[in-house]
PDB file of N, CA and C in Angstrom:
ATOM      1  N   MET A   1      98.321 132.853 105.367  1.00  0.00           N
ATOM      2  CA  MET A   1      98.767 134.209 105.142  1.00  0.00           C
ATOM      3  C   MET A   1      99.513 134.316 103.818  1.00  0.00           C
ATOM      4  N   VAL A   2     100.383 133.342 103.579  1.00  0.00           N
ATOM      5  CA  VAL A   2     101.143 133.357 102.326  1.00  0.00           C
ATOM      6  C   VAL A   2     100.189 133.253 101.147  1.00  0.00           C
ATOM      7  N   GLU A   3      99.210 132.358 101.260  1.00  0.00           N
ATOM      8  CA  GLU A   3      98.235 132.203 100.174  1.00  0.00           C
ATOM      9  C   GLU A   3      97.510 133.514  99.914  1.00  0.00           C
ATOM     10  N   ARG A   4      97.098 134.180 100.973  1.00  0.00           N
ATOM     11  CA  ARG A   4      96.413 135.465 100.817  1.00  0.00           C
ATOM     12  C   ARG A   4      97.325 136.493 100.178  1.00  0.00           C
ATOM     13  N   LEU A   5      98.578 136.548 100.597  1.00  0.00           N
ATOM     14  CA  LEU A   5      99.510 137.536 100.045  1.00  0.00           C
ATOM     15  C   LEU A   5      99.854 137.260  98.586  1.00  0.00           C
ATOM     16  N   CYS A   6      99.695 136.034  98.153  1.00  0.00           N
ATOM     17  CA  CYS A   6      99.930 135.719  96.736  1.00  0.00           C
ATOM     18  C   CYS A   6      98.887 136.394  95.845  1.00  0.00           C
ATOM     19  N   ARG A   7      97.751 136.759  96.417  1.00  0.00           N
ATOM     20  CA  ARG A   7      96.713 137.467  95.653  1.00  0.00           C
ATOM     21  C   ARG A   7      96.949 138.969  95.623  1.00  0.00           C
ATOM     22  N   GLY A   8      97.873 139.459  96.460  1.00  0.00           N
ATOM     23  CA  GLY A   8      98.176 140.889  96.477  1.00  0.00           C
ATOM     24  C   GLY A   8      98.473 141.369  97.881  1.00  0.00           C
ATOM     25  N   PRO A   9      98.989 142.602  97.982  1.00  0.00           N
ATOM     26  CA  PRO A   9      99.320 143.159  99.294  1.00  0.00           C
ATOM     27  C   PRO A   9      98.095 143.227 100.204  1.00  0.00           C
ATOM     28  N   ALA A  10      98.352 143.155 101.517  1.00  0.00           N
ATOM     29  CA  ALA A  10      97.264 143.224 102.499  1.00  0.00           C
ATOM     30  C   ALA A  10      97.792 143.818 103.785  1.00  0.00           C
ATOM     31  N   SER A  11      96.908 144.462 104.496  1.00  0.00           N
ATOM     32  CA  SER A  11      97.279 144.995 105.810  1.00  0.00           C
ATOM     33  C   SER A  11      97.332 143.847 106.806  1.00  0.00           C
ATOM     34  N   VAL A  12      98.002 144.099 107.915  1.00  0.00           N
ATOM     35  CA  VAL A  12      98.083 143.096 108.976  1.00  0.00           C
ATOM     36  C   VAL A  12      96.675 142.752 109.457  1.00  0.00           C
ATOM     37  N   LYS A  13      95.823 143.752 109.580  1.00  0.00           N
ATOM     38  CA  LYS A  13      94.442 143.520 110.015  1.00  0.00           C
ATOM     39  C   LYS A  13      93.717 142.600 109.036  1.00  0.00           C
ATOM     40  N   GLU A  14      93.868 142.838 107.735  1.00  0.00           N
ATOM     41  CA  GLU A  14      93.232 141.984 106.727  1.00  0.00           C
ATOM     42  C   GLU A  14      93.754 140.551 106.816  1.00  0.00           C
ATOM     43  N   LEU A  15      95.053 140.415 107.046  1.00  0.00           N
ATOM     44  CA  LEU A  15      95.646 139.075 107.150  1.00  0.00           C
ATOM     45  C   LEU A  15      95.154 138.338 108.385  1.00  0.00           C
ATOM     46  N   ALA A  16      94.869 139.091 109.440  1.00  0.00           N
ATOM     47  CA  ALA A  16      94.455 138.480 110.705  1.00  0.00           C
ATOM     48  C   ALA A  16      92.994 138.038 110.705  1.00  0.00           C
ATOM     49  N   GLU A  17      92.152 138.664 109.873  1.00  0.00           N
ATOM     50  CA  GLU A  17      90.703 138.429 109.919  1.00  0.00           C
ATOM     51  C   GLU A  17      90.282 136.961 109.895  1.00  0.00           C
ATOM     52  N   PRO A  18      90.809 136.119 109.001  1.00  0.00           N
ATOM     53  CA  PRO A  18      90.289 134.746 108.952  1.00  0.00           C
ATOM     54  C   PRO A  18      90.790 133.829 110.068  1.00  0.00           C
ATOM     55  N   PHE A  19      91.706 134.312 110.890  1.00  0.00           N
ATOM     56  CA  PHE A  19      92.319 133.445 111.898  1.00  0.00           C
ATOM     57  C   PHE A  19      91.771 133.738 113.288  1.00  0.00           C
ATOM     58  N   ASP A  20      91.641 132.684 114.082  1.00  0.00           N
ATOM     59  CA  ASP A  20      91.188 132.812 115.460  1.00  0.00           C
ATOM     60  C   ASP A  20      92.415 132.916 116.363  1.00  0.00           C
ATOM     61  N   MET A  21      93.117 134.041 116.213  1.00  0.00           N
ATOM     62  CA  MET A  21      94.295 134.295 117.048  1.00  0.00           C
ATOM     63  C   MET A  21      94.421 135.797 117.247  1.00  0.00           C
ATOM     64  N   SER A  22      95.186 136.174 118.234  1.00  0.00           N
ATOM     65  CA  SER A  22      95.347 137.589 118.543  1.00  0.00           C
ATOM     66  C   SER A  22      96.146 138.292 117.444  1.00  0.00           C
ATOM     67  N   LEU A  23      95.965 139.577 117.351  1.00  0.00           N
ATOM     68  CA  LEU A  23      96.725 140.376 116.392  1.00  0.00           C
ATOM     69  C   LEU A  23      98.213 140.258 116.682  1.00  0.00           C
ATOM     70  N   SER A  24      98.565 140.161 117.949  1.00  0.00           N
ATOM     71  CA  SER A  24      99.959 139.988 118.349  1.00  0.00           C
ATOM     72  C   SER A  24     100.538 138.688 117.789  1.00  0.00           C
ATOM     73  N   ALA A  25      99.770 137.615 117.821  1.00  0.00           N
ATOM     74  CA  ALA A  25     100.225 136.334 117.282  1.00  0.00           C
ATOM     75  C   ALA A  25     100.405 136.419 115.769  1.00  0.00           C
ATOM     76  N   VAL A  26      99.496 137.111 115.099  1.00  0.00           N
ATOM     77  CA  VAL A  26      99.606 137.298 113.646  1.00  0.00           C
ATOM     78  C   VAL A  26     100.883 138.064 113.325  1.00  0.00           C
ATOM     79  N   VAL A  27     101.161 139.106 114.097  1.00  0.00           N
ATOM     80  CA  VAL A  27     102.385 139.895 113.891  1.00  0.00           C
ATOM     81  C   VAL A  27     103.615 139.020 114.073  1.00  0.00           C
ATOM     82  N   GLN A  28     103.595 138.130 115.053  1.00  0.00           N
ATOM     83  CA  GLN A  28     104.733 137.225 115.255  1.00  0.00           C
ATOM     84  C   GLN A  28     104.927 136.316 114.036  1.00  0.00           C
ATOM     85  N   HIS A  29     103.844 135.798 113.492  1.00  0.00           N
ATOM     86  CA  HIS A  29     103.939 134.966 112.285  1.00  0.00           C
ATOM     87  C   HIS A  29     104.530 135.771 111.122  1.00  0.00           C
ATOM     88  N   LEU A  30     104.052 136.991 110.981  1.00  0.00           N
ATOM     89  CA  LEU A  30     104.557 137.840 109.903  1.00  0.00           C
ATOM     90  C   LEU A  30     106.032 138.171 110.092  1.00  0.00           C
ATOM     91  N   GLN A  31     106.458 138.334 111.330  1.00  0.00           N
ATOM     92  CA  GLN A  31     107.875 138.599 111.594  1.00  0.00           C
ATOM     93  C   GLN A  31     108.743 137.431 111.138  1.00  0.00           C
ATOM     94  N   VAL A  32     108.261 136.213 111.344  1.00  0.00           N
ATOM     95  CA  VAL A  32     109.003 135.033 110.885  1.00  0.00           C
ATOM     96  C   VAL A  32     109.075 135.030 109.357  1.00  0.00           C
ATOM     97  N   LEU A  33     107.946 135.333 108.706  1.00  0.00           N
ATOM     98  CA  LEU A  33     107.929 135.373 107.247  1.00  0.00           C
ATOM     99  C   LEU A  33     108.840 136.477 106.715  1.00  0.00           C
ATOM    100  N   GLU A  34     108.882 137.609 107.418  1.00  0.00           N
ATOM    101  CA  GLU A  34     109.780 138.699 107.012  1.00  0.00           C
ATOM    102  C   GLU A  34     111.243 138.309 107.215  1.00  0.00           C
ATOM    103  N   ALA A  35     111.533 137.663 108.329  1.00  0.00           N
ATOM    104  CA  ALA A  35     112.920 137.248 108.601  1.00  0.00           C
ATOM    105  C   ALA A  35     113.411 136.267 107.542  1.00  0.00           C
ATOM    106  N   SER A  36     112.500 135.465 106.995  1.00  0.00           N
ATOM    107  CA  SER A  36     112.876 134.503 105.952  1.00  0.00           C
ATOM    108  C   SER A  36     113.037 135.184 104.602  1.00  0.00           C
ATOM    109  N   GLY A  37     112.556 136.413 104.490  1.00  0.00           N
ATOM    110  CA  GLY A  37     112.635 137.141 103.224  1.00  0.00           C
ATOM    111  C   GLY A  37     111.432 136.904 102.331  1.00  0.00           C
ATOM    112  N   LEU A  38     110.516 136.066 102.768  1.00  0.00           N
ATOM    113  CA  LEU A  38     109.353 135.721 101.954  1.00  0.00           C
ATOM    114  C   LEU A  38     108.334 136.859 101.888  1.00  0.00           C
ATOM    115  N   VAL A  39     108.284 137.655 102.943  1.00  0.00           N
ATOM    116  CA  VAL A  39     107.326 138.756 103.031  1.00  0.00           C
ATOM    117  C   VAL A  39     108.081 140.039 103.348  1.00  0.00           C
ATOM    118  N   GLN A  40     107.606 141.125 102.752  1.00  0.00           N
ATOM    119  CA  GLN A  40     108.149 142.446 103.057  1.00  0.00           C
ATOM    120  C   GLN A  40     106.982 143.316 103.501  1.00  0.00           C
ATOM    121  N   SER A  41     107.233 144.159 104.484  1.00  0.00           N
ATOM    122  CA  SER A  41     106.153 145.039 104.940  1.00  0.00           C
ATOM    123  C   SER A  41     106.640 146.476 105.011  1.00  0.00           C
ATOM    124  N   GLU A  42     105.668 147.370 104.937  1.00  0.00           N
ATOM    125  CA  GLU A  42     105.971 148.785 105.115  1.00  0.00           C
ATOM    126  C   GLU A  42     104.835 149.424 105.883  1.00  0.00           C
ATOM    127  N   LYS A  43     105.193 150.408 106.673  1.00  0.00           N
ATOM    128  CA  LYS A  43     104.200 151.087 107.492  1.00  0.00           C
ATOM    129  C   LYS A  43     103.986 152.486 106.952  1.00  0.00           C
ATOM    130  N   VAL A  44     102.734 152.790 106.673  1.00  0.00           N
ATOM    131  CA  VAL A  44     102.348 154.125 106.240  1.00  0.00           C
ATOM    132  C   VAL A  44     101.286 154.597 107.215  1.00  0.00           C
ATOM    133  N   GLY A  45     101.640 155.603 108.001  1.00  0.00           N
ATOM    134  CA  GLY A  45     100.732 156.054 109.054  1.00  0.00           C
ATOM    135  C   GLY A  45     100.599 154.957 110.101  1.00  0.00           C
ATOM    136  N   ARG A  46      99.383 154.531 110.339  1.00  0.00           N
ATOM    137  CA  ARG A  46      99.144 153.488 111.337  1.00  0.00           C
ATOM    138  C   ARG A  46      98.920 152.116 110.699  1.00  0.00           C
ATOM    139  N   VAL A  47      99.025 152.040 109.378  1.00  0.00           N
ATOM    140  CA  VAL A  47      98.724 150.784 108.673  1.00  0.00           C
ATOM    141  C   VAL A  47     100.007 150.138 108.165  1.00  0.00           C
ATOM    142  N   ARG A  48     100.212 148.892 108.555  1.00  0.00           N
ATOM    143  CA  ARG A  48     101.345 148.107 108.052  1.00  0.00           C
ATOM    144  C   ARG A  48     100.825 147.190 106.953  1.00  0.00           C
ATOM    145  N   THR A  49     101.392 147.347 105.755  1.00  0.00           N
ATOM    146  CA  THR A  49     100.990 146.554 104.604  1.00  0.00           C
ATOM    147  C   THR A  49     102.082 145.555 104.268  1.00  0.00           C
ATOM    148  N   CYS A  50     101.667 144.320 104.029  1.00  0.00           N
ATOM    149  CA  CYS A  50     102.601 143.243 103.715  1.00  0.00           C
ATOM    150  C   CYS A  50     102.423 142.821 102.276  1.00  0.00           C
ATOM    151  N   ARG A  51     103.523 142.395 101.675  1.00  0.00           N
ATOM    152  CA  ARG A  51     103.461 141.851 100.321  1.00  0.00           C
ATOM    153  C   ARG A  51     104.439 140.708 100.203  1.00  0.00           C
ATOM    154  N   ILE A  52     104.099 139.760  99.356  1.00  0.00           N
ATOM    155  CA  ILE A  52     104.933 138.589  99.117  1.00  0.00           C
ATOM    156  C   ILE A  52     106.112 138.999  98.234  1.00  0.00           C
ATOM    157  N   GLN A  53     107.228 138.331  98.391  1.00  0.00           N
ATOM    158  CA  GLN A  53     108.391 138.545  97.535  1.00  0.00           C
ATOM    159  C   GLN A  53     108.444 137.384  96.541  1.00  0.00           C
ATOM    160  N   PRO A  54     107.954 137.597  95.315  1.00  0.00           N
ATOM    161  CA  PRO A  54     107.807 136.498  94.358  1.00  0.00           C
ATOM    162  C   PRO A  54     109.098 135.718  94.087  1.00  0.00           C
ATOM    163  N   ALA A  55     110.230 136.393  94.009  1.00  0.00           N
ATOM    164  CA  ALA A  55     111.488 135.686  93.722  1.00  0.00           C
ATOM    165  C   ALA A  55     111.835 134.715  94.853  1.00  0.00           C
ATOM    166  N   VAL A  56     111.593 135.131  96.083  1.00  0.00           N
ATOM    167  CA  VAL A  56     111.872 134.263  97.232  1.00  0.00           C
ATOM    168  C   VAL A  56     110.877 133.101  97.244  1.00  0.00           C
ATOM    169  N   LEU A  57     109.630 133.368  96.907  1.00  0.00           N
ATOM    170  CA  LEU A  57     108.623 132.310  96.842  1.00  0.00           C
ATOM    171  C   LEU A  57     109.012 131.281  95.775  1.00  0.00           C
ATOM    172  N   ARG A  58     109.498 131.748  94.616  1.00  0.00           N
ATOM    173  CA  ARG A  58     109.940 130.816  93.568  1.00  0.00           C
ATOM    174  C   ARG A  58     111.104 129.955  94.043  1.00  0.00           C
ATOM    175  N   THR A  59     112.031 130.562  94.774  1.00  0.00           N
ATOM    176  CA  THR A  59     113.154 129.796  95.326  1.00  0.00           C
ATOM    177  C   THR A  59     112.655 128.707  96.266  1.00  0.00           C
ATOM    178  N   ALA A  60     111.689 129.048  97.114  1.00  0.00           N
ATOM    179  CA  ALA A  60     111.109 128.057  98.032  1.00  0.00           C
ATOM    180  C   ALA A  60     110.384 126.966  97.244  1.00  0.00           C
ATOM    181  N   GLU A  61     109.634 127.348  96.221  1.00  0.00           N
ATOM    182  CA  GLU A  61     108.926 126.366  95.391  1.00  0.00           C
ATOM    183  C   GLU A  61     109.911 125.408  94.724  1.00  0.00           C
ATOM    184  N   ASP A  62     111.012 125.947  94.202  1.00  0.00           N
ATOM    185  CA  ASP A  62     112.036 125.111  93.566  1.00  0.00           C
ATOM    186  C   ASP A  62     112.628 124.128  94.566  1.00  0.00           C
ATOM    187  N   TRP A  63     112.891 124.602  95.779  1.00  0.00           N
ATOM    188  CA  TRP A  63     113.460 123.728  96.799  1.00  0.00           C
ATOM    189  C   TRP A  63     112.475 122.610  97.157  1.00  0.00           C
ATOM    190  N   PHE A  64     111.187 122.972  97.356  1.00  0.00           N
ATOM    191  CA  PHE A  64     110.181 121.952  97.660  1.00  0.00           C
ATOM    192  C   PHE A  64     110.080 120.937  96.525  1.00  0.00           C
ATOM    193  N   ALA A  65     110.112 121.414  95.289  1.00  0.00           N
ATOM    194  CA  ALA A  65     110.012 120.505  94.141  1.00  0.00           C
ATOM    195  C   ALA A  65     111.188 119.536  94.108  1.00  0.00           C
ATOM    196  N   SER A  66     112.390 120.027  94.395  1.00  0.00           N
ATOM    197  CA  SER A  66     113.556 119.136  94.382  1.00  0.00           C
ATOM    198  C   SER A  66     113.464 118.114  95.516  1.00  0.00           C
ATOM    199  N   ARG A  67     112.992 118.538  96.670  1.00  0.00           N
ATOM    200  CA  ARG A  67     112.818 117.607  97.792  1.00  0.00           C
ATOM    201  C   ARG A  67     111.744 116.576  97.461  1.00  0.00           C
ATOM    202  N   ARG A  68     110.647 117.035  96.839  1.00  0.00           N
ATOM    203  CA  ARG A  68     109.573 116.123  96.467  1.00  0.00           C
ATOM    204  C   ARG A  68     110.092 115.076  95.484  1.00  0.00           C
ATOM    205  N   ALA A  69     110.849 115.507  94.474  1.00  0.00           N
ATOM    206  CA  ALA A  69     111.397 114.565  93.495  1.00  0.00           C
ATOM    207  C   ALA A  69     112.324 113.561  94.175  1.00  0.00           C
ATOM    208  N   HIS A  70     113.144 114.028  95.081  1.00  0.00           N
ATOM    209  CA  HIS A  70     114.064 113.152  95.808  1.00  0.00           C
ATOM    210  C   HIS A  70     113.297 112.081  96.584  1.00  0.00           C
ATOM    211  N   TRP A  71     112.277 112.503  97.338  1.00  0.00           N
ATOM    212  CA  TRP A  71     111.532 111.557  98.171  1.00  0.00           C
ATOM    213  C   TRP A  71     110.628 110.657  97.338  1.00  0.00           C
ATOM    214  N   GLU A  72     110.108 111.158  96.224  1.00  0.00           N
ATOM    215  CA  GLU A  72     109.314 110.287  95.348  1.00  0.00           C
ATOM    216  C   GLU A  72     110.198 109.169  94.798  1.00  0.00           C
ATOM    217  N   HIS A  73     111.429 109.495  94.423  1.00  0.00           N
ATOM    218  CA  HIS A  73     112.365 108.491  93.933  1.00  0.00           C
ATOM    219  C   HIS A  73     112.637 107.449  95.021  1.00  0.00           C
ATOM    220  N   LYS A  74     112.904 107.923  96.237  1.00  0.00           N
ATOM    221  CA  LYS A  74     113.162 107.003  97.353  1.00  0.00           C
ATOM    222  C   LYS A  74     111.948 106.108  97.625  1.00  0.00           C
ATOM    223  N   LEU A  75     110.754 106.698  97.617  1.00  0.00           N
ATOM    224  CA  LEU A  75     109.545 105.919  97.885  1.00  0.00           C
ATOM    225  C   LEU A  75     109.252 104.932  96.755  1.00  0.00           C
ATOM    226  N   ASP A  76     109.554 105.312  95.506  1.00  0.00           N
ATOM    227  CA  ASP A  76     109.397 104.375  94.388  1.00  0.00           C
ATOM    228  C   ASP A  76     110.322 103.177  94.563  1.00  0.00           C
ATOM    229  N   ARG A  77     111.548 103.437  94.982  1.00  0.00           N
ATOM    230  CA  ARG A  77     112.496 102.345  95.226  1.00  0.00           C
ATOM    231  C   ARG A  77     112.002 101.440  96.360  1.00  0.00           C
ATOM    232  N   LEU A  78     111.472 102.047  97.418  1.00  0.00           N
ATOM    233  CA  LEU A  78     110.935 101.269  98.535  1.00  0.00           C
ATOM    234  C   LEU A  78     109.750 100.423  98.065  1.00  0.00           C
ATOM    235  N   ALA A  79     108.853 101.009  97.262  1.00  0.00           N
ATOM    236  CA  ALA A  79     107.699 100.267  96.756  1.00  0.00           C
ATOM    237  C   ALA A  79     108.156  99.080  95.911  1.00  0.00           C
ATOM    238  N   GLY A  80     109.170  99.279  95.073  1.00  0.00           N
ATOM    239  CA  GLY A  80     109.707  98.183  94.274  1.00  0.00           C
ATOM    240  C   GLY A  80     110.277  97.087  95.144  1.00  0.00           C
ATOM    241  N   TYR A  81     111.012  97.461  96.162  1.00  0.00           N
ATOM    242  CA  TYR A  81     111.589  96.490  97.083  1.00  0.00           C
ATOM    243  C   TYR A  81     110.495  95.697  97.799  1.00  0.00           C
ATOM    244  N   LEU A  82     109.491  96.403  98.287  1.00  0.00           N
ATOM    245  CA  LEU A  82     108.406  95.740  99.013  1.00  0.00           C
ATOM    246  C   LEU A  82     107.617  94.813  98.090  1.00  0.00           C
ATOM    247  N   ALA A  83     107.441  95.219  96.841  1.00  0.00           N
ATOM    248  CA  ALA A  83     106.730  94.365  95.889  1.00  0.00           C
ATOM    249  C   ALA A  83     107.525  93.083  95.639  1.00  0.00           C
ATOM    250  N   ARG A  84     108.832  93.201  95.498  1.00  0.00           N
ATOM    251  CA  ARG A  84     109.681  92.011  95.303  1.00  0.00           C
ATOM    252  C   ARG A  84     109.625  91.124  96.549  1.00  0.00           C
ATOM    253  N   ASP A  85     109.669  91.737  97.714  1.00  0.00           N
ATOM    254  CA  ASP A  85     109.637  90.989  98.971  1.00  0.00           C
ATOM    255  C   ASP A  85     108.310  90.255  99.129  1.00  0.00           C
ATOM    256  N   ASP A  86     107.196  90.906  98.767  1.00  0.00           N
ATOM    257  CA  ASP A  86     105.879  90.257  98.829  1.00  0.00           C
ATOM    258  C   ASP A  86     105.825  89.078  97.865  1.00  0.00           C
ATOM    259  N   GLY A  87     106.417  89.210  96.700  1.00  0.00           N
ATOM    260  CA  GLY A  87     106.444  88.122  95.723  1.00  0.00           C
ATOM    261  C   GLY A  87     107.188  86.919  96.250  1.00  0.00           C
ATOM    262  N   LYS A  88     108.255  87.152  96.970  1.00  0.00           N
ATOM    263  CA  LYS A  88     109.021  86.054  97.567  1.00  0.00           C
ATOM    264  C   LYS A  88     108.190  85.328  98.618  1.00  0.00           C
ATOM    265  N   LYS A  89     107.442  86.099  99.414  1.00  0.00           N
ATOM    266  CA  LYS A  89     106.629  85.500 100.474  1.00  0.00           C
ATOM    267  C   LYS A  89     105.483  84.681  99.884  1.00  0.00           C
ATOM    268  N   GLU A  90     104.862  85.187  98.828  1.00  0.00           N
ATOM    269  CA  GLU A  90     103.727  84.492  98.222  1.00  0.00           C
ATOM    270  C   GLU A  90     104.189  83.202  97.535  1.00  0.00           C
ATOM    271  N   GLY A  91     105.357  83.236  96.920  1.00  0.00           N
ATOM    272  CA  GLY A  91     105.855  82.077  96.198  1.00  0.00           C
ATOM    273  C   GLY A  91     106.602  81.119  97.101  1.00  0.00           C
ATOM    274  N   GLY A  92     106.783  81.478  98.310  1.00  0.00           N
ATOM    275  CA  GLY A  92     107.555  80.651  99.247  1.00  0.00           C
ATOM    276  C   GLY A  92     109.025  80.966  99.107  1.00  0.00           C
ATOM    277  N   ASP A  93     109.764  80.618 100.127  1.00  0.00           N
ATOM    278  CA  ASP A  93     111.191  80.948 100.086  1.00  0.00           C
ATOM    279  C   ASP A  93     112.023  79.779  99.561  1.00  0.00           C
ATOM    280  N   GLY A  94     111.396  78.698  99.176  1.00  0.00           N
ATOM    281  CA  GLY A  94     112.111  77.580  98.591  1.00  0.00           C
ATOM    282  C   GLY A  94     112.821  76.722  99.600  1.00  0.00           C
ATOM    283  N   GLY A  95     112.994  77.207 100.811  1.00  0.00           N
ATOM    284  CA  GLY A  95     113.738  76.447 101.810  1.00  0.00           C
ATOM    285  C   GLY A  95     112.847  75.855 102.873  1.00  0.00           C
ATOM    286  N   SER A  96     111.561  76.043 102.730  1.00  0.00           N
ATOM    287  CA  SER A  96     110.631  75.556 103.747  1.00  0.00           C
ATOM    288  C   SER A  96     110.434  74.057 103.608  1.00  0.00           C
ATOM    289  N   THR A  97     110.381  73.380 104.703  1.00  0.00           N
ATOM    290  CA  THR A  97     110.143  71.932 104.707  1.00  0.00           C
ATOM    291  C   THR A  97     108.876  71.655 105.481  1.00  0.00           C
ATOM    292  N   ASP A  98     107.756  71.611 104.782  1.00  0.00           N
ATOM    293  CA  ASP A  98     106.487  71.313 105.429  1.00  0.00           C
ATOM    294  C   ASP A  98     106.272  69.825 105.420  1.00  0.00           C
ATOM    295  N   GLY A  99     106.081  69.298 106.561  1.00  0.00           N
ATOM    296  CA  GLY A  99     105.631  67.963 106.599  1.00  0.00           C
ATOM    297  C   GLY A  99     106.520  66.928 106.905  1.00  0.00           C
TER     298      GLY A  99
END
């Protein structure tokens, strides 16, 4: 739904079309997106139109990027540790007494 709304405003019916779920379920999803501030909707007559809030989307993107950078750093450190540990195992621990 968010991806679709990034292309422009859409009615609830248009947003529901590609999904195999009830219109009621789609409305519940949209309510969550509205509560988060990511989506805003307005009703004109019988049609409710939704649109993305670009500033809120940018804030979410920034947060995801910072989390991604944090976890990439942690995973790089883990990979370095594991590589060092594998090197120790391949070279032996120096304390083994075979034979």
